[in-house]
Amino acid sequence: MTLPQYININGTSYSADKLSAEAKQQAANIQVVDAELARLQQQIAIAQTARNAYSNALIEAVKGAKAAAKEEKAAKPAKAAAKEAKPAAKEEAPKKARAPRKAKAAE
């Protein structure tokens, strides 16, 4: 990386040509670190986007499971009501009269 013609440090502008070798090296180090920070910020943005997608997929999966559970729960009372209606229909039907039992012959 090449240093810019002027470097600003705490509001003061310095000519890169007039900096010592050590100052130039530190300025180059700052450039490398800034580039790495920019790269990492891009990685964070990518990871955050993926996390948001996974979160949305989880929400949809839970909603789908809840909807299925609601449908199943709604279907159970209907089935239970149908089962209850059948025995009730049997109870409401008139009972047939039985023929009287024959007495056993005494021996």
Protein backbone atom coordinates (compact mmCIF):
# COMPACT_ATOMS: atom_id res chain seq x y z
CA MET A 1 0.00 0.00 0.00
CA THR A 2 1.15 3.46 -0.73
CA LEU A 3 0.73 6.27 1.69
CA PRO A 4 -1.30 9.29 0.67
CA GLN A 5 0.59 12.49 -0.10
CA TYR A 6 -0.61 14.04 3.19
CA ILE A 7 -1.49 12.35 6.47
CA ASN A 8 -3.82 13.99 8.98
CA ILE A 9 -3.03 13.35 12.63
CA ASN A 10 -5.26 14.98 15.26
CA GLY A 11 -6.29 17.72 12.83
CA THR A 12 -2.76 18.52 11.63
CA SER A 13 -1.71 17.66 8.08
CA TYR A 14 1.79 16.20 7.51
CA SER A 15 3.54 15.57 4.22
CA ALA A 16 4.20 11.84 3.88
CA ASP A 17 7.59 12.59 2.26
CA LYS A 18 8.77 14.38 5.41
CA LEU A 19 7.80 11.61 7.87
CA SER A 20 10.46 9.42 9.45
CA ALA A 21 10.74 5.77 8.40
CA GLU A 22 9.13 4.73 11.70
CA ALA A 23 6.20 7.15 11.21
CA LYS A 24 5.73 5.88 7.64
CA GLN A 25 5.67 2.30 8.94
CA GLN A 26 3.05 3.17 11.59
CA ALA A 27 0.94 4.95 8.96
CA ALA A 28 1.19 1.86 6.72
CA ASN A 29 0.16 -0.33 9.69
CA ILE A 30 -2.91 1.86 10.20
CA GLN A 31 -3.83 1.41 6.53
CA VAL A 32 -3.56 -2.37 6.84
CA VAL A 33 -5.68 -2.41 9.98
CA ASP A 34 -8.30 -0.12 8.38
CA ALA A 35 -8.50 -2.47 5.39
CA GLU A 36 -8.92 -5.46 7.70
CA LEU A 37 -11.64 -3.67 9.69
CA ALA A 38 -13.50 -2.92 6.44
CA ARG A 39 -13.22 -6.60 5.42
CA LEU A 40 -14.48 -7.76 8.81
CA GLN A 41 -17.39 -5.31 8.68
CA GLN A 42 -18.39 -6.85 5.34
CA GLN A 43 -18.19 -10.32 6.91
CA ILE A 44 -20.37 -9.12 9.80
CA ALA A 45 -22.94 -7.77 7.33
CA ILE A 46 -22.98 -11.12 5.50
CA ALA A 47 -23.34 -13.07 8.75
CA GLN A 48 -26.10 -10.74 10.00
CA THR A 49 -28.00 -11.19 6.75
CA ALA A 50 -27.74 -14.97 7.07
CA ARG A 51 -28.84 -14.81 10.71
CA ASN A 52 -31.88 -12.74 9.76
CA ALA A 53 -32.80 -15.29 7.07
CA TYR A 54 -32.48 -18.18 9.56
CA SER A 55 -34.51 -16.26 12.12
CA ASN A 56 -37.28 -15.63 9.60
CA ALA A 57 -37.26 -19.30 8.59
CA LEU A 58 -37.55 -20.31 12.25
CA ILE A 59 -40.47 -17.96 12.77
CA GLU A 60 -42.24 -19.40 9.73
CA ALA A 61 -41.55 -22.96 10.92
CA VAL A 62 -42.99 -22.18 14.35
CA LYS A 63 -46.00 -20.44 12.81
CA GLY A 64 -46.53 -23.46 10.57
CA ALA A 65 -46.32 -25.79 13.55
CA LYS A 66 -48.71 -23.59 15.52
CA ALA A 67 -51.15 -23.47 12.62
CA ALA A 68 -51.02 -27.24 12.27
CA ALA A 69 -51.54 -27.64 16.01
CA LYS A 70 -54.48 -25.23 15.89
CA GLU A 71 -56.01 -27.15 12.99
CA GLU A 72 -55.51 -30.42 14.84
CA LYS A 73 -56.93 -28.96 18.02
CA ALA A 74 -59.94 -27.61 16.12
CA ALA A 75 -60.45 -31.00 14.49
CA LYS A 76 -60.32 -32.89 17.82
CA PRO A 77 -63.41 -31.22 19.32
CA ALA A 78 -65.29 -31.89 16.09
CA LYS A 79 -64.27 -35.55 16.23
CA ALA A 80 -65.08 -35.74 19.92
CA ALA A 81 -68.47 -34.17 19.30
CA ALA A 82 -69.12 -36.70 16.56
CA LYS A 83 -68.16 -39.55 18.90
CA GLU A 84 -70.38 -38.16 21.64
CA ALA A 85 -73.26 -37.78 19.23
CA LYS A 86 -73.14 -41.47 18.30
CA PRO A 87 -73.53 -42.81 21.85
CA ALA A 88 -76.18 -40.20 22.54
CA ALA A 89 -78.09 -41.46 19.53
CA LYS A 90 -77.93 -44.98 20.92
CA GLU A 91 -79.24 -43.85 24.29
CA GLU A 92 -82.09 -41.94 22.72
CA ALA A 93 -83.26 -44.92 20.68
CA PRO A 94 -86.16 -46.75 22.31
CA LYS A 95 -85.16 -49.97 23.98
CA LYS A 96 -86.69 -53.15 22.76
CA ALA A 97 -88.80 -55.07 25.25
CA ARG A 98 -87.33 -58.38 26.23
CA ALA A 99 -89.31 -61.52 26.47
CA PRO A 100 -89.71 -62.73 30.05
CA ARG A 101 -87.29 -65.46 31.11
CA LYS A 102 -88.59 -68.91 31.42
CA ALA A 103 -88.48 -70.36 34.87
CA LYS A 104 -86.23 -73.36 35.30
CA ALA A 105 -87.98 -76.58 36.03
CA ALA A 106 -87.53 -77.79 39.56
CA GLU A 107 -85.81 -81.09 39.81
